[in-house]
Structures are given as C-alpha cells and as structure tokens.
C-alpha cells in the first residue's frame, strides 16, 4: 500500500458502490425524477447520488417512496430517513426495475401492508425509516 493513506480503499469502494448504484438505477431514477417534478417536488442530489425529491403535494405512498435513486416525499428529511431510503436504492440496484416493484408489492400483500414485517423495510432499517421495531 505504498502511497496510500489509511481509509483510501474504503473510500474507493464506497465511490464504486455509489457510482454502480446510480448507473444500475438510471432508468427508474429518471422516470421517478420526472414524476416528482410533476408533483411539485424539489430535487436535491446528495453526495451518495440519491436524489431527495421533497415537498411533493402527492404521488408517493405512505411517508415516502424510493424509486431507483430517487426518494419521493412530502417533507420527511433527516439523515436517518435518508440512510433508510439509500438502502432501498440499493435494493432497486440489485433487483432491477421489474423485480423490485413486483417483489416489494408481493411482500406488502403477504404482510398485509405491515412494514415491520416486510423484509425490504427490515433490511432498510425499521428505526431509520421511522417504523417501530416488530413486536
């Protein structure tokens, strides 16, 4: 590791992760951003390339919805919630624009809409997402 500082490889891996996620989520992100803008959203791009499209009047589920790398909401904000939604962006990157909504919807039906029982929400972090832990 000549010529590198401690943590360089960690930062490099984090950068590769952020760029790969943004690339894999490009198509659903563009569509979600257009949707957010059409519903009054104000986009802010984070260092993690997740676009927070807050201030929407409508057009999102529950407290907010992440599609690709775009987090659509009315006014949630905050670092914990952002971390939760970035994990959903990871899920989109892994599963893609067909399987992610299909499997998320199936999971919602099987859990009767209880986010505390959803594998997707638990993986994203229940507490970070504003949900109480399961009983």
C-alpha atoms as a PDB file:
ATOM      1  CA  UNK A   1       0.000   0.000   0.000  1.00  0.00           C
ATOM      2  CA  UNK A   2       2.762   2.407  -0.857  1.00  0.00           C
ATOM      3  CA  UNK A   3       1.484   5.922  -1.446  1.00  0.00           C
ATOM      4  CA  UNK A   4      -1.971   5.401   0.020  1.00  0.00           C
ATOM      5  CA  UNK A   5      -3.433   6.810   3.175  1.00  0.00           C
ATOM      6  CA  UNK A   6      -5.451   4.752   5.650  1.00  0.00           C
ATOM      7  CA  UNK A   7      -9.041   4.509   4.517  1.00  0.00           C
ATOM      8  CA  UNK A   8      -8.305   5.129   0.839  1.00  0.00           C
ATOM      9  CA  UNK A   9      -9.501   1.685  -0.192  1.00  0.00           C
ATOM     10  CA  UNK A  10     -12.648   2.126   1.900  1.00  0.00           C
ATOM     11  CA  UNK A  11     -13.389   5.454   0.207  1.00  0.00           C
ATOM     12  CA  UNK A  12     -12.651   3.949  -3.213  1.00  0.00           C
ATOM     13  CA  UNK A  13     -15.050   1.052  -2.561  1.00  0.00           C
ATOM     14  CA  UNK A  14     -17.717   3.481  -1.351  1.00  0.00           C
ATOM     15  CA  UNK A  15     -17.311   5.563  -4.512  1.00  0.00           C
ATOM     16  CA  UNK A  16     -17.580   2.476  -6.721  1.00  0.00           C
ATOM     17  CA  UNK A  17     -20.736   1.450  -4.828  1.00  0.00           C
ATOM     18  CA  UNK A  18     -22.346   4.886  -5.239  1.00  0.00           C
ATOM     19  CA  UNK A  19     -21.497   5.078  -8.950  1.00  0.00           C
ATOM     20  CA  UNK A  20     -22.599   1.500  -9.685  1.00  0.00           C
ATOM     21  CA  UNK A  21     -25.909   2.020  -7.863  1.00  0.00           C
ATOM     22  CA  UNK A  22     -26.573   5.243  -9.774  1.00  0.00           C
ATOM     23  CA  UNK A  23     -25.786   3.542 -13.095  1.00  0.00           C
ATOM     24  CA  UNK A  24     -27.957   0.476 -12.383  1.00  0.00           C
ATOM     25  CA  UNK A  25     -30.826   2.705 -11.238  1.00  0.00           C
ATOM     26  CA  UNK A  26     -30.566   5.251 -14.054  1.00  0.00           C
ATOM     27  CA  UNK A  27     -33.777   4.437 -15.952  1.00  0.00           C
ATOM     28  CA  UNK A  28     -36.160   4.203 -12.970  1.00  0.00           C
ATOM     29  CA  UNK A  29     -34.451   7.250 -11.424  1.00  0.00           C
ATOM     30  CA  UNK A  30     -35.067   9.432 -14.479  1.00  0.00           C
ATOM     31  CA  UNK A  31     -38.719   8.380 -14.548  1.00  0.00           C
ATOM     32  CA  UNK A  32     -39.119   8.940 -10.797  1.00  0.00           C
ATOM     33  CA  UNK A  33     -37.485  12.366 -11.001  1.00  0.00           C
ATOM     34  CA  UNK A  34     -39.891  13.391 -13.775  1.00  0.00           C
ATOM     35  CA  UNK A  35     -42.781  12.114 -11.614  1.00  0.00           C
ATOM     36  CA  UNK A  36     -41.525  14.041  -8.589  1.00  0.00           C
ATOM     37  CA  UNK A  37     -41.130  17.282 -10.526  1.00  0.00           C
ATOM     38  CA  UNK A  38     -44.629  16.882 -11.992  1.00  0.00           C
ATOM     39  CA  UNK A  39     -45.979  16.667  -8.424  1.00  0.00           C
ATOM     40  CA  UNK A  40     -44.197  19.720  -7.060  1.00  0.00           C
ATOM     41  CA  UNK A  41     -41.055  18.022  -5.761  1.00  0.00           C
ATOM     42  CA  UNK A  42     -37.836  19.938  -5.214  1.00  0.00           C
ATOM     43  CA  UNK A  43     -34.852  17.712  -6.062  1.00  0.00           C
ATOM     44  CA  UNK A  44     -31.625  17.808  -4.064  1.00  0.00           C
ATOM     45  CA  UNK A  45     -28.792  15.476  -5.063  1.00  0.00           C
ATOM     46  CA  UNK A  46     -26.816  14.051  -2.152  1.00  0.00           C
ATOM     47  CA  UNK A  47     -23.171  13.018  -2.096  1.00  0.00           C
ATOM     48  CA  UNK A  48     -24.425   9.425  -2.380  1.00  0.00           C
ATOM     49  CA  UNK A  49     -26.198  10.381  -5.653  1.00  0.00           C
ATOM     50  CA  UNK A  50     -29.580   9.650  -4.076  1.00  0.00           C
ATOM     51  CA  UNK A  51     -31.948  12.419  -5.159  1.00  0.00           C
ATOM     52  CA  UNK A  52     -34.243  13.640  -2.414  1.00  0.00           C
ATOM     53  CA  UNK A  53     -37.354  14.996  -4.107  1.00  0.00           C
ATOM     54  CA  UNK A  54     -39.165  16.575  -1.154  1.00  0.00           C
ATOM     55  CA  UNK A  55     -42.070  18.954  -0.929  1.00  0.00           C
ATOM     56  CA  UNK A  56     -44.322  16.871  -3.164  1.00  0.00           C
ATOM     57  CA  UNK A  57     -48.060  17.533  -2.905  1.00  0.00           C
ATOM     58  CA  UNK A  58     -48.978  13.919  -3.758  1.00  0.00           C
ATOM     59  CA  UNK A  59     -47.737  10.973  -5.813  1.00  0.00           C
ATOM     60  CA  UNK A  60     -45.948   8.901  -3.181  1.00  0.00           C
ATOM     61  CA  UNK A  61     -47.012   6.111  -0.820  1.00  0.00           C
ATOM     62  CA  UNK A  62     -47.125   6.289   2.988  1.00  0.00           C
ATOM     63  CA  UNK A  63     -44.463   8.683   4.253  1.00  0.00           C
ATOM     64  CA  UNK A  64     -42.386   8.435   1.104  1.00  0.00           C
ATOM     65  CA  UNK A  65     -41.334   6.192  -1.750  1.00  0.00           C
ATOM     66  CA  UNK A  66     -37.966   5.410  -3.275  1.00  0.00           C
ATOM     67  CA  UNK A  67     -37.789   4.515  -6.957  1.00  0.00           C
ATOM     68  CA  UNK A  68     -34.308   3.840  -8.253  1.00  0.00           C
ATOM     69  CA  UNK A  69     -32.105   6.524  -6.719  1.00  0.00           C
ATOM     70  CA  UNK A  70     -34.956   8.989  -6.163  1.00  0.00           C
ATOM     71  CA  UNK A  71     -36.658   9.426  -2.806  1.00  0.00           C
ATOM     72  CA  UNK A  72     -40.111  10.960  -3.271  1.00  0.00           C
ATOM     73  CA  UNK A  73     -41.790  12.537  -0.243  1.00  0.00           C
ATOM     74  CA  UNK A  74     -43.733  15.472   1.093  1.00  0.00           C
ATOM     75  CA  UNK A  75     -41.388  16.627   3.806  1.00  0.00           C
ATOM     76  CA  UNK A  76     -39.697  13.912   5.839  1.00  0.00           C
ATOM     77  CA  UNK A  77     -35.985  14.605   5.565  1.00  0.00           C
ATOM     78  CA  UNK A  78     -33.269  13.782   8.025  1.00  0.00           C
ATOM     79  CA  UNK A  79     -30.108  11.660   7.948  1.00  0.00           C
ATOM     80  CA  UNK A  80     -31.723   8.542   9.443  1.00  0.00           C
ATOM     81  CA  UNK A  81     -34.540   8.511   6.909  1.00  0.00           C
ATOM     82  CA  UNK A  82     -32.064   9.240   4.115  1.00  0.00           C
ATOM     83  CA  UNK A  83     -29.944   6.226   5.167  1.00  0.00           C
ATOM     84  CA  UNK A  84     -33.109   4.063   5.106  1.00  0.00           C
ATOM     85  CA  UNK A  85     -34.063   5.271   1.624  1.00  0.00           C
ATOM     86  CA  UNK A  86     -30.499   4.796   0.306  1.00  0.00           C
ATOM     87  CA  UNK A  87     -30.796   1.137   1.333  1.00  0.00           C
ATOM     88  CA  UNK A  88     -33.987   0.934  -0.745  1.00  0.00           C
ATOM     89  CA  UNK A  89     -31.966   2.392  -3.649  1.00  0.00           C
ATOM     90  CA  UNK A  90     -29.518  -0.500  -3.105  1.00  0.00           C
ATOM     91  CA  UNK A  91     -32.453  -2.915  -3.336  1.00  0.00           C
ATOM     92  CA  UNK A  92     -33.507  -1.326  -6.628  1.00  0.00           C
ATOM     93  CA  UNK A  93     -29.964  -1.705  -7.984  1.00  0.00           C
ATOM     94  CA  UNK A  94     -29.816  -5.395  -7.051  1.00  0.00           C
ATOM     95  CA  UNK A  95     -33.325  -6.410  -8.139  1.00  0.00           C
ATOM     96  CA  UNK A  96     -33.888  -4.027 -11.043  1.00  0.00           C
ATOM     97  CA  UNK A  97     -36.905  -2.094 -12.274  1.00  0.00           C
ATOM     98  CA  UNK A  98     -39.079  -5.173 -12.859  1.00  0.00           C
ATOM     99  CA  UNK A  99     -38.373  -7.414  -9.878  1.00  0.00           C
ATOM    100  CA  UNK A 100     -38.132  -4.685  -7.215  1.00  0.00           C
ATOM    101  CA  UNK A 101     -41.695  -3.338  -7.545  1.00  0.00           C
ATOM    102  CA  UNK A 102     -43.051  -6.833  -8.174  1.00  0.00           C
ATOM    103  CA  UNK A 103     -41.404  -8.394  -5.113  1.00  0.00           C
ATOM    104  CA  UNK A 104     -41.999  -5.352  -2.904  1.00  0.00           C
ATOM    105  CA  UNK A 105     -45.696  -5.419  -3.833  1.00  0.00           C
ATOM    106  CA  UNK A 106     -45.925  -9.152  -3.227  1.00  0.00           C
ATOM    107  CA  UNK A 107     -44.251  -8.718   0.156  1.00  0.00           C
ATOM    108  CA  UNK A 108     -46.691  -5.911   1.036  1.00  0.00           C
ATOM    109  CA  UNK A 109     -49.619  -8.187   0.152  1.00  0.00           C
ATOM    110  CA  UNK A 110     -48.220 -11.085   2.179  1.00  0.00           C
ATOM    111  CA  UNK A 111     -47.552  -8.896   5.213  1.00  0.00           C
ATOM    112  CA  UNK A 112     -50.901  -7.102   4.822  1.00  0.00           C
ATOM    113  CA  UNK A 113     -49.084  -3.805   4.411  1.00  0.00           C
ATOM    114  CA  UNK A 114     -47.294  -4.013   7.771  1.00  0.00           C
ATOM    115  CA  UNK A 115     -43.854  -2.510   7.076  1.00  0.00           C
ATOM    116  CA  UNK A 116     -42.470  -4.003  10.295  1.00  0.00           C
ATOM    117  CA  UNK A 117     -42.922  -7.482   8.814  1.00  0.00           C
ATOM    118  CA  UNK A 118     -41.539  -6.594   5.381  1.00  0.00           C
ATOM    119  CA  UNK A 119     -38.111  -7.992   4.533  1.00  0.00           C
ATOM    120  CA  UNK A 120     -37.467  -4.902   2.416  1.00  0.00           C
ATOM    121  CA  UNK A 121     -38.239  -2.481   5.233  1.00  0.00           C
ATOM    122  CA  UNK A 122     -36.356  -4.517   7.832  1.00  0.00           C
ATOM    123  CA  UNK A 123     -33.301  -4.646   5.557  1.00  0.00           C
ATOM    124  CA  UNK A 124     -33.515  -0.879   5.037  1.00  0.00           C
ATOM    125  CA  UNK A 125     -33.663  -0.355   8.813  1.00  0.00           C
ATOM    126  CA  UNK A 126     -37.002  -0.021  10.563  1.00  0.00           C
ATOM    127  CA  UNK A 127     -35.895   2.586  13.082  1.00  0.00           C
ATOM    128  CA  UNK A 128     -34.096   4.665  10.411  1.00  0.00           C
ATOM    129  CA  UNK A 129     -37.304   4.522   8.355  1.00  0.00           C
ATOM    130  CA  UNK A 130     -39.405   5.823  11.236  1.00  0.00           C
ATOM    131  CA  UNK A 131     -41.036   2.473  11.996  1.00  0.00           C
ATOM    132  CA  UNK A 132     -41.283   0.902  15.416  1.00  0.00           C
ATOM    133  CA  UNK A 133     -39.435  -2.430  15.682  1.00  0.00           C
ATOM    134  CA  UNK A 134     -41.618  -5.537  15.342  1.00  0.00           C
ATOM    135  CA  UNK A 135     -43.367  -6.771  18.464  1.00  0.00           C
END
